Amino acid sequence: MQKPPFAYGVGWSPNRRITLVAIGLACLLAIATATAYVTGHSNRQHTATTPPPKPSSTPETGKPSAGTGSLPLPPRISDPVEFAKAATKMLWSYDTRSTAQAQQLAGMKAWMTRESQYGDWASVSAQIPDPVLWSEMADQKQHATAAIAEGHYPSAFKQALSDDPAAITKAYIYAVTVTGKQTITWAKGGKGVEDRSITLAVQCRPSADCTLVAVAPRVAP
C-alpha cells in the first residue's frame, strides 16, 4: 500500500497503539488482568458472536453538527456493538480539506460519556494528530473514509461477564472489538487502503443512548 506524505493512522508503532485505560469497572479490569495487551494492527477478520442480553434500538444515521466539519453527531443507539461500529467509523474518518483539527476534536467529544469518572478522553483524542501535523495533512488535501466489517464482544469480556454478571450493572460499560478498512486519499491521486481493528469501551445504560468511554487496550478476540 502506498502511504501518503503525512499518513496519520497508517503504520503507527506498537507503543502508539496501546492505551492503558482505567475505567473502574470490575469486568474490564478482569479482562486487563486475564489477557495480555496486543500491540499493532490485527489483520484478522473475527467471527461475529452473539452479544450478552441488551435492549437494542434501530440505529439513526448521525447528521453533521454545526462547527464539527464532516463529523456526524452520535447516533441514538442502545446496542453496544452497533454503537461501537458507528463510533469506529467516526474515529477512522476525517477530512482535512473541510475540517480544522479543533473541529475534529469537538465532533469527537460529542460522542463521549458525560460520566467523567469513566471517560478517558485522552485515549480517544490521541486518534487524531496534533495541529501541526493536521495542517501538513491539509496541505496534501488528505482525507479518510472507513468501511466497517463487523463488531463483536471479545471472548475475555464475555468470560468476565459470565463469571460476574452483576459487574456490568456498576457502570454498564461494554468492550467491543470492531474490524474494517480505512481508505486514505491525498493530493495528486494518492490513495492507500488498510485493514484495521480497534477495541472500544462504550457505555450503554438501560433506557439511555450509548456513549463512548475509551479506546481500550486490545484483548483476546
C-alpha atoms as a PDB file:
ATOM      1  CA  MET A   1       0.000   0.000   0.000  1.00  0.00           C
ATOM      2  CA  GLN A   2       1.307   3.417  -0.949  1.00  0.00           C
ATOM      3  CA  LYS A   3       1.416   5.743   2.032  1.00  0.00           C
ATOM      4  CA  PRO A   4       0.521   9.445   1.990  1.00  0.00           C
ATOM      5  CA  PRO A   5       3.198  12.026   2.870  1.00  0.00           C
ATOM      6  CA  PHE A   6       1.620  12.552   6.279  1.00  0.00           C
ATOM      7  CA  ALA A   7      -0.180   9.274   6.939  1.00  0.00           C
ATOM      8  CA  TYR A   8      -1.817   9.544  10.333  1.00  0.00           C
ATOM      9  CA  GLY A   9      -3.134   6.178  11.477  1.00  0.00           C
ATOM     10  CA  VAL A  10      -1.131   4.192   8.924  1.00  0.00           C
ATOM     11  CA  GLY A  11       1.826   2.211  10.227  1.00  0.00           C
ATOM     12  CA  TRP A  12       1.717   3.532  13.783  1.00  0.00           C
ATOM     13  CA  SER A  13       4.283   1.979  16.084  1.00  0.00           C
ATOM     14  CA  PRO A  14       3.029  -0.589  18.626  1.00  0.00           C
ATOM     15  CA  ASN A  15       3.577   1.820  21.505  1.00  0.00           C
ATOM     16  CA  ARG A  16       1.348   4.345  19.760  1.00  0.00           C
ATOM     17  CA  ARG A  17      -1.401   1.758  19.546  1.00  0.00           C
ATOM     18  CA  ILE A  18      -1.506   0.828  23.226  1.00  0.00           C
ATOM     19  CA  THR A  19      -3.620   2.968  25.501  1.00  0.00           C
ATOM     20  CA  LEU A  20      -3.870   1.978  29.157  1.00  0.00           C
ATOM     21  CA  VAL A  21      -7.426   2.587  30.241  1.00  0.00           C
ATOM     22  CA  ALA A  22      -8.586   2.577  33.852  1.00  0.00           C
ATOM     23  CA  ILE A  23     -12.357   2.881  33.793  1.00  0.00           C
ATOM     24  CA  GLY A  24     -13.133   1.467  37.210  1.00  0.00           C
ATOM     25  CA  LEU A  25     -15.299  -1.404  36.012  1.00  0.00           C
ATOM     26  CA  ALA A  26     -14.711  -4.818  37.510  1.00  0.00           C
ATOM     27  CA  CYS A  27     -15.378  -6.796  34.343  1.00  0.00           C
ATOM     28  CA  LEU A  28     -12.969  -4.723  32.292  1.00  0.00           C
ATOM     29  CA  LEU A  29     -10.336  -4.946  34.988  1.00  0.00           C
ATOM     30  CA  ALA A  30     -10.762  -8.694  34.823  1.00  0.00           C
ATOM     31  CA  ILE A  31     -10.001  -8.529  31.114  1.00  0.00           C
ATOM     32  CA  ALA A  32      -6.885  -6.494  31.737  1.00  0.00           C
ATOM     33  CA  THR A  33      -5.542  -8.960  34.271  1.00  0.00           C
ATOM     34  CA  ALA A  34      -6.575 -12.099  32.389  1.00  0.00           C
ATOM     35  CA  THR A  35      -5.245 -11.200  28.955  1.00  0.00           C
ATOM     36  CA  ALA A  36      -2.075  -9.738  27.522  1.00  0.00           C
ATOM     37  CA  TYR A  37      -2.284  -6.452  25.708  1.00  0.00           C
ATOM     38  CA  VAL A  38      -1.775  -6.945  21.999  1.00  0.00           C
ATOM     39  CA  THR A  39       0.096  -4.300  20.013  1.00  0.00           C
ATOM     40  CA  GLY A  40      -0.045  -3.226  16.406  1.00  0.00           C
ATOM     41  CA  HIS A  41      -2.817  -3.797  13.899  1.00  0.00           C
ATOM     42  CA  SER A  42      -4.694  -7.052  13.593  1.00  0.00           C
ATOM     43  CA  ASN A  43      -5.479  -8.021  10.015  1.00  0.00           C
ATOM     44  CA  ARG A  44      -7.511 -10.978  11.140  1.00  0.00           C
ATOM     45  CA  GLN A  45     -11.198 -10.985  10.485  1.00  0.00           C
ATOM     46  CA  HIS A  46     -13.050 -12.130  13.620  1.00  0.00           C
ATOM     47  CA  THR A  47     -16.236 -14.157  13.631  1.00  0.00           C
ATOM     48  CA  ALA A  48     -19.178 -12.187  14.958  1.00  0.00           C
ATOM     49  CA  THR A  49     -20.614 -13.502  18.223  1.00  0.00           C
ATOM     50  CA  THR A  50     -23.979 -13.296  19.916  1.00  0.00           C
ATOM     51  CA  PRO A  51     -23.974 -10.345  22.333  1.00  0.00           C
ATOM     52  CA  PRO A  52     -24.945 -10.504  26.007  1.00  0.00           C
ATOM     53  CA  PRO A  53     -28.595  -9.589  26.560  1.00  0.00           C
ATOM     54  CA  LYS A  54     -29.079  -5.887  25.950  1.00  0.00           C
ATOM     55  CA  PRO A  55     -32.063  -3.978  24.634  1.00  0.00           C
ATOM     56  CA  SER A  56     -31.391  -2.520  21.204  1.00  0.00           C
ATOM     57  CA  SER A  57     -32.981   0.084  19.019  1.00  0.00           C
ATOM     58  CA  THR A  58     -32.854   0.855  15.329  1.00  0.00           C
ATOM     59  CA  PRO A  59     -29.774   2.985  14.625  1.00  0.00           C
ATOM     60  CA  GLU A  60     -30.372   6.527  13.468  1.00  0.00           C
ATOM     61  CA  THR A  61     -27.949   7.966  10.974  1.00  0.00           C
ATOM     62  CA  GLY A  62     -25.916  10.752  12.531  1.00  0.00           C
ATOM     63  CA  LYS A  63     -26.018  14.145  10.845  1.00  0.00           C
ATOM     64  CA  PRO A  64     -23.176  16.649  10.780  1.00  0.00           C
ATOM     65  CA  SER A  65     -23.495  19.236  13.529  1.00  0.00           C
ATOM     66  CA  ALA A  66     -22.646  22.901  13.221  1.00  0.00           C
ATOM     67  CA  GLY A  67     -18.975  23.588  13.791  1.00  0.00           C
ATOM     68  CA  THR A  68     -17.803  19.971  13.571  1.00  0.00           C
ATOM     69  CA  GLY A  69     -16.964  19.825   9.883  1.00  0.00           C
ATOM     70  CA  SER A  70     -17.695  16.439   8.364  1.00  0.00           C
ATOM     71  CA  LEU A  71     -18.149  14.562  11.651  1.00  0.00           C
ATOM     72  CA  PRO A  72     -21.623  13.164  12.370  1.00  0.00           C
ATOM     73  CA  LEU A  73     -23.457  13.516  15.646  1.00  0.00           C
ATOM     74  CA  PRO A  74     -23.546  10.313  17.730  1.00  0.00           C
ATOM     75  CA  PRO A  75     -26.466   8.119  16.652  1.00  0.00           C
ATOM     76  CA  ARG A  76     -29.178   7.276  19.142  1.00  0.00           C
ATOM     77  CA  ILE A  77     -28.362   3.600  19.640  1.00  0.00           C
ATOM     78  CA  SER A  78     -28.803   1.459  22.742  1.00  0.00           C
ATOM     79  CA  ASP A  79     -26.942  -1.582  21.390  1.00  0.00           C
ATOM     80  CA  PRO A  80     -23.217  -1.599  22.359  1.00  0.00           C
ATOM     81  CA  VAL A  81     -21.955  -3.354  19.224  1.00  0.00           C
ATOM     82  CA  GLU A  82     -23.872  -1.130  16.814  1.00  0.00           C
ATOM     83  CA  PHE A  83     -22.745   1.993  18.636  1.00  0.00           C
ATOM     84  CA  ALA A  84     -19.119   0.820  18.676  1.00  0.00           C
ATOM     85  CA  LYS A  85     -19.279   0.230  14.912  1.00  0.00           C
ATOM     86  CA  ALA A  86     -20.627   3.751  14.373  1.00  0.00           C
ATOM     87  CA  ALA A  87     -18.006   5.235  16.721  1.00  0.00           C
ATOM     88  CA  THR A  88     -15.223   3.371  14.935  1.00  0.00           C
ATOM     89  CA  LYS A  89     -16.353   4.708  11.574  1.00  0.00           C
ATOM     90  CA  MET A  90     -16.280   8.194  13.073  1.00  0.00           C
ATOM     91  CA  LEU A  91     -12.778   7.708  14.513  1.00  0.00           C
ATOM     92  CA  TRP A  92     -11.365   6.349  11.252  1.00  0.00           C
ATOM     93  CA  SER A  93     -12.903   9.100   9.103  1.00  0.00           C
ATOM     94  CA  TYR A  94     -11.626  12.643   8.641  1.00  0.00           C
ATOM     95  CA  ASP A  95     -11.331  15.347   6.029  1.00  0.00           C
ATOM     96  CA  THR A  96      -8.586  17.921   6.500  1.00  0.00           C
ATOM     97  CA  ARG A  97      -9.889  19.807   3.457  1.00  0.00           C
ATOM     98  CA  SER A  98     -13.038  20.977   5.268  1.00  0.00           C
ATOM     99  CA  THR A  99     -12.442  20.341   8.951  1.00  0.00           C
ATOM    100  CA  ALA A 100      -9.987  22.039  11.278  1.00  0.00           C
ATOM    101  CA  GLN A 101      -8.226  19.960  13.931  1.00  0.00           C
ATOM    102  CA  ALA A 102     -10.162  21.757  16.694  1.00  0.00           C
ATOM    103  CA  GLN A 103     -13.434  20.998  14.896  1.00  0.00           C
ATOM    104  CA  GLN A 104     -12.485  17.344  14.632  1.00  0.00           C
ATOM    105  CA  LEU A 105     -11.853  17.193  18.363  1.00  0.00           C
ATOM    106  CA  ALA A 106     -15.127  18.962  19.119  1.00  0.00           C
ATOM    107  CA  GLY A 107     -17.023  16.493  16.956  1.00  0.00           C
ATOM    108  CA  MET A 108     -15.357  13.535  18.661  1.00  0.00           C
ATOM    109  CA  LYS A 109     -16.050  14.992  22.104  1.00  0.00           C
ATOM    110  CA  ALA A 110     -19.774  14.918  21.400  1.00  0.00           C
ATOM    111  CA  TRP A 111     -19.632  11.105  21.375  1.00  0.00           C
ATOM    112  CA  MET A 112     -18.093  10.845  24.858  1.00  0.00           C
ATOM    113  CA  THR A 113     -19.773   9.755  28.081  1.00  0.00           C
ATOM    114  CA  ARG A 114     -20.622  12.602  30.396  1.00  0.00           C
ATOM    115  CA  GLU A 115     -19.711  10.471  33.415  1.00  0.00           C
ATOM    116  CA  SER A 116     -16.219  11.853  33.951  1.00  0.00           C
ATOM    117  CA  GLN A 117     -15.172   9.099  36.342  1.00  0.00           C
ATOM    118  CA  TYR A 118     -15.273   6.630  33.449  1.00  0.00           C
ATOM    119  CA  GLY A 119     -14.444   8.623  30.326  1.00  0.00           C
ATOM    120  CA  ASP A 120     -10.869   8.532  29.007  1.00  0.00           C
ATOM    121  CA  TRP A 121     -10.778  11.442  26.580  1.00  0.00           C
ATOM    122  CA  ALA A 122      -7.001  11.201  26.212  1.00  0.00           C
ATOM    123  CA  SER A 123      -7.253   7.749  24.596  1.00  0.00           C
ATOM    124  CA  VAL A 124      -9.879   9.000  22.136  1.00  0.00           C
ATOM    125  CA  SER A 125      -8.307  12.347  21.229  1.00  0.00           C
ATOM    126  CA  ALA A 126      -4.999  10.539  20.613  1.00  0.00           C
ATOM    127  CA  GLN A 127      -6.603   9.032  17.491  1.00  0.00           C
ATOM    128  CA  ILE A 128      -6.024  12.252  15.535  1.00  0.00           C
ATOM    129  CA  PRO A 129      -2.774  14.183  15.017  1.00  0.00           C
ATOM    130  CA  ASP A 130      -1.683  17.412  16.652  1.00  0.00           C
ATOM    131  CA  PRO A 131      -2.472  20.745  14.967  1.00  0.00           C
ATOM    132  CA  VAL A 132       0.896  20.968  13.206  1.00  0.00           C
ATOM    133  CA  LEU A 133       0.620  17.558  11.548  1.00  0.00           C
ATOM    134  CA  TRP A 134      -3.054  18.169  10.785  1.00  0.00           C
ATOM    135  CA  SER A 135      -2.028  21.347   8.932  1.00  0.00           C
ATOM    136  CA  GLU A 136       0.567  19.430   6.926  1.00  0.00           C
ATOM    137  CA  MET A 137      -2.059  16.823   6.058  1.00  0.00           C
ATOM    138  CA  ALA A 138      -4.407  19.622   4.986  1.00  0.00           C
ATOM    139  CA  ASP A 139      -1.718  20.922   2.633  1.00  0.00           C
ATOM    140  CA  GLN A 140      -1.872  17.495   0.980  1.00  0.00           C
ATOM    141  CA  LYS A 141      -5.697  17.515   0.981  1.00  0.00           C
ATOM    142  CA  GLN A 142      -5.649  14.287   2.972  1.00  0.00           C
ATOM    143  CA  HIS A 143      -8.943  12.668   3.913  1.00  0.00           C
ATOM    144  CA  ALA A 144     -10.063   9.223   5.045  1.00  0.00           C
ATOM    145  CA  THR A 145     -13.167   7.080   4.950  1.00  0.00           C
ATOM    146  CA  ALA A 146     -13.954   3.870   6.785  1.00  0.00           C
ATOM    147  CA  ALA A 147     -15.786   0.674   5.875  1.00  0.00           C
ATOM    148  CA  ILE A 148     -16.795  -1.402   8.896  1.00  0.00           C
ATOM    149  CA  ALA A 149     -16.717  -5.188   8.510  1.00  0.00           C
ATOM    150  CA  GLU A 150     -18.061  -6.349  11.872  1.00  0.00           C
ATOM    151  CA  GLY A 151     -18.110  -5.825  15.618  1.00  0.00           C
ATOM    152  CA  HIS A 152     -18.152  -8.307  18.467  1.00  0.00           C
ATOM    153  CA  TYR A 153     -17.625  -8.718  22.190  1.00  0.00           C
ATOM    154  CA  PRO A 154     -14.104 -10.058  22.875  1.00  0.00           C
ATOM    155  CA  SER A 155     -14.068 -13.518  24.402  1.00  0.00           C
ATOM    156  CA  ALA A 156     -12.346 -12.237  27.539  1.00  0.00           C
ATOM    157  CA  PHE A 157     -15.123  -9.703  28.093  1.00  0.00           C
ATOM    158  CA  LYS A 158     -17.810 -12.351  27.637  1.00  0.00           C
ATOM    159  CA  GLN A 159     -15.990 -14.633  30.048  1.00  0.00           C
ATOM    160  CA  ALA A 160     -15.667 -11.890  32.650  1.00  0.00           C
ATOM    161  CA  LEU A 161     -19.357 -11.086  32.259  1.00  0.00           C
ATOM    162  CA  SER A 162     -20.235 -14.755  32.610  1.00  0.00           C
ATOM    163  CA  ASP A 163     -18.128 -15.035  35.755  1.00  0.00           C
ATOM    164  CA  ASP A 164     -19.752 -11.988  37.347  1.00  0.00           C
ATOM    165  CA  PRO A 165     -22.969 -10.947  35.558  1.00  0.00           C
ATOM    166  CA  ALA A 166     -23.700  -8.247  38.126  1.00  0.00           C
ATOM    167  CA  ALA A 167     -20.436  -6.424  37.390  1.00  0.00           C
ATOM    168  CA  ILE A 168     -21.866  -4.807  34.276  1.00  0.00           C
ATOM    169  CA  THR A 169     -24.542  -3.028  36.314  1.00  0.00           C
ATOM    170  CA  LYS A 170     -21.931  -0.883  38.059  1.00  0.00           C
ATOM    171  CA  ALA A 171     -21.389   1.303  35.008  1.00  0.00           C
ATOM    172  CA  TYR A 172     -22.865  -0.593  32.023  1.00  0.00           C
ATOM    173  CA  ILE A 173     -19.585  -0.392  30.120  1.00  0.00           C
ATOM    174  CA  TYR A 174     -19.015  -2.901  27.348  1.00  0.00           C
ATOM    175  CA  ALA A 175     -15.830  -3.848  25.498  1.00  0.00           C
ATOM    176  CA  VAL A 176     -16.385  -4.177  21.744  1.00  0.00           C
ATOM    177  CA  THR A 177     -13.825  -5.032  19.069  1.00  0.00           C
ATOM    178  CA  VAL A 178     -14.506  -3.637  15.599  1.00  0.00           C
ATOM    179  CA  THR A 179     -12.720  -4.545  12.365  1.00  0.00           C
ATOM    180  CA  GLY A 180     -12.807  -2.895   8.971  1.00  0.00           C
ATOM    181  CA  LYS A 181     -10.830  -0.949   6.390  1.00  0.00           C
ATOM    182  CA  GLN A 182      -9.648   2.639   6.251  1.00  0.00           C
ATOM    183  CA  THR A 183      -9.099   4.325   2.903  1.00  0.00           C
ATOM    184  CA  ILE A 184      -6.840   7.385   2.885  1.00  0.00           C
ATOM    185  CA  THR A 185      -6.740   9.713  -0.112  1.00  0.00           C
ATOM    186  CA  TRP A 186      -4.455  12.680  -0.716  1.00  0.00           C
ATOM    187  CA  ALA A 187      -3.358  15.118  -3.419  1.00  0.00           C
ATOM    188  CA  LYS A 188      -2.325  14.099  -6.928  1.00  0.00           C
ATOM    189  CA  GLY A 189      -4.290  10.861  -6.882  1.00  0.00           C
ATOM    190  CA  GLY A 190      -2.589   9.305  -3.865  1.00  0.00           C
ATOM    191  CA  LYS A 191      -4.554   6.547  -2.157  1.00  0.00           C
ATOM    192  CA  GLY A 192      -3.992   3.768   0.374  1.00  0.00           C
ATOM    193  CA  VAL A 193      -6.224   1.131   1.985  1.00  0.00           C
ATOM    194  CA  GLU A 194      -5.502  -0.661   5.237  1.00  0.00           C
ATOM    195  CA  ASP A 195      -7.208  -3.343   7.332  1.00  0.00           C
ATOM    196  CA  ARG A 196      -7.740  -2.080  10.856  1.00  0.00           C
ATOM    197  CA  SER A 197      -9.032  -3.281  14.209  1.00  0.00           C
ATOM    198  CA  ILE A 198      -9.834  -1.419  17.413  1.00  0.00           C
ATOM    199  CA  THR A 199     -11.364  -2.228  20.798  1.00  0.00           C
ATOM    200  CA  LEU A 200     -13.637   0.407  22.291  1.00  0.00           C
ATOM    201  CA  ALA A 201     -15.230   0.734  25.704  1.00  0.00           C
ATOM    202  CA  VAL A 202     -18.784   2.016  25.334  1.00  0.00           C
ATOM    203  CA  GLN A 203     -21.365   2.861  27.986  1.00  0.00           C
ATOM    204  CA  CYS A 204     -24.956   1.795  27.368  1.00  0.00           C
ATOM    205  CA  ARG A 205     -27.102   2.316  30.433  1.00  0.00           C
ATOM    206  CA  PRO A 206     -30.659   0.920  30.334  1.00  0.00           C
ATOM    207  CA  SER A 207     -33.146   3.248  28.653  1.00  0.00           C
ATOM    208  CA  ALA A 208     -30.331   5.547  27.507  1.00  0.00           C
ATOM    209  CA  ASP A 209     -28.346   6.045  24.329  1.00  0.00           C
ATOM    210  CA  CYS A 210     -24.830   4.625  24.207  1.00  0.00           C
ATOM    211  CA  THR A 211     -21.768   6.840  24.564  1.00  0.00           C
ATOM    212  CA  LEU A 212     -18.054   6.370  24.010  1.00  0.00           C
ATOM    213  CA  VAL A 213     -15.859   5.755  27.059  1.00  0.00           C
ATOM    214  CA  ALA A 214     -12.388   4.975  25.734  1.00  0.00           C
ATOM    215  CA  VAL A 215     -10.168   3.368  23.176  1.00  0.00           C
ATOM    216  CA  ALA A 216      -9.388   0.296  25.211  1.00  0.00           C
ATOM    217  CA  PRO A 217      -6.373  -1.994  25.326  1.00  0.00           C
ATOM    218  CA  ARG A 218      -6.654  -4.780  22.768  1.00  0.00           C
ATOM    219  CA  VAL A 219      -7.882  -8.030  24.259  1.00  0.00           C
ATOM    220  CA  ALA A 220      -8.202 -11.619  23.100  1.00  0.00           C
ATOM    221  CA  PRO A 221     -10.680 -11.967  20.227  1.00  0.00           C
END
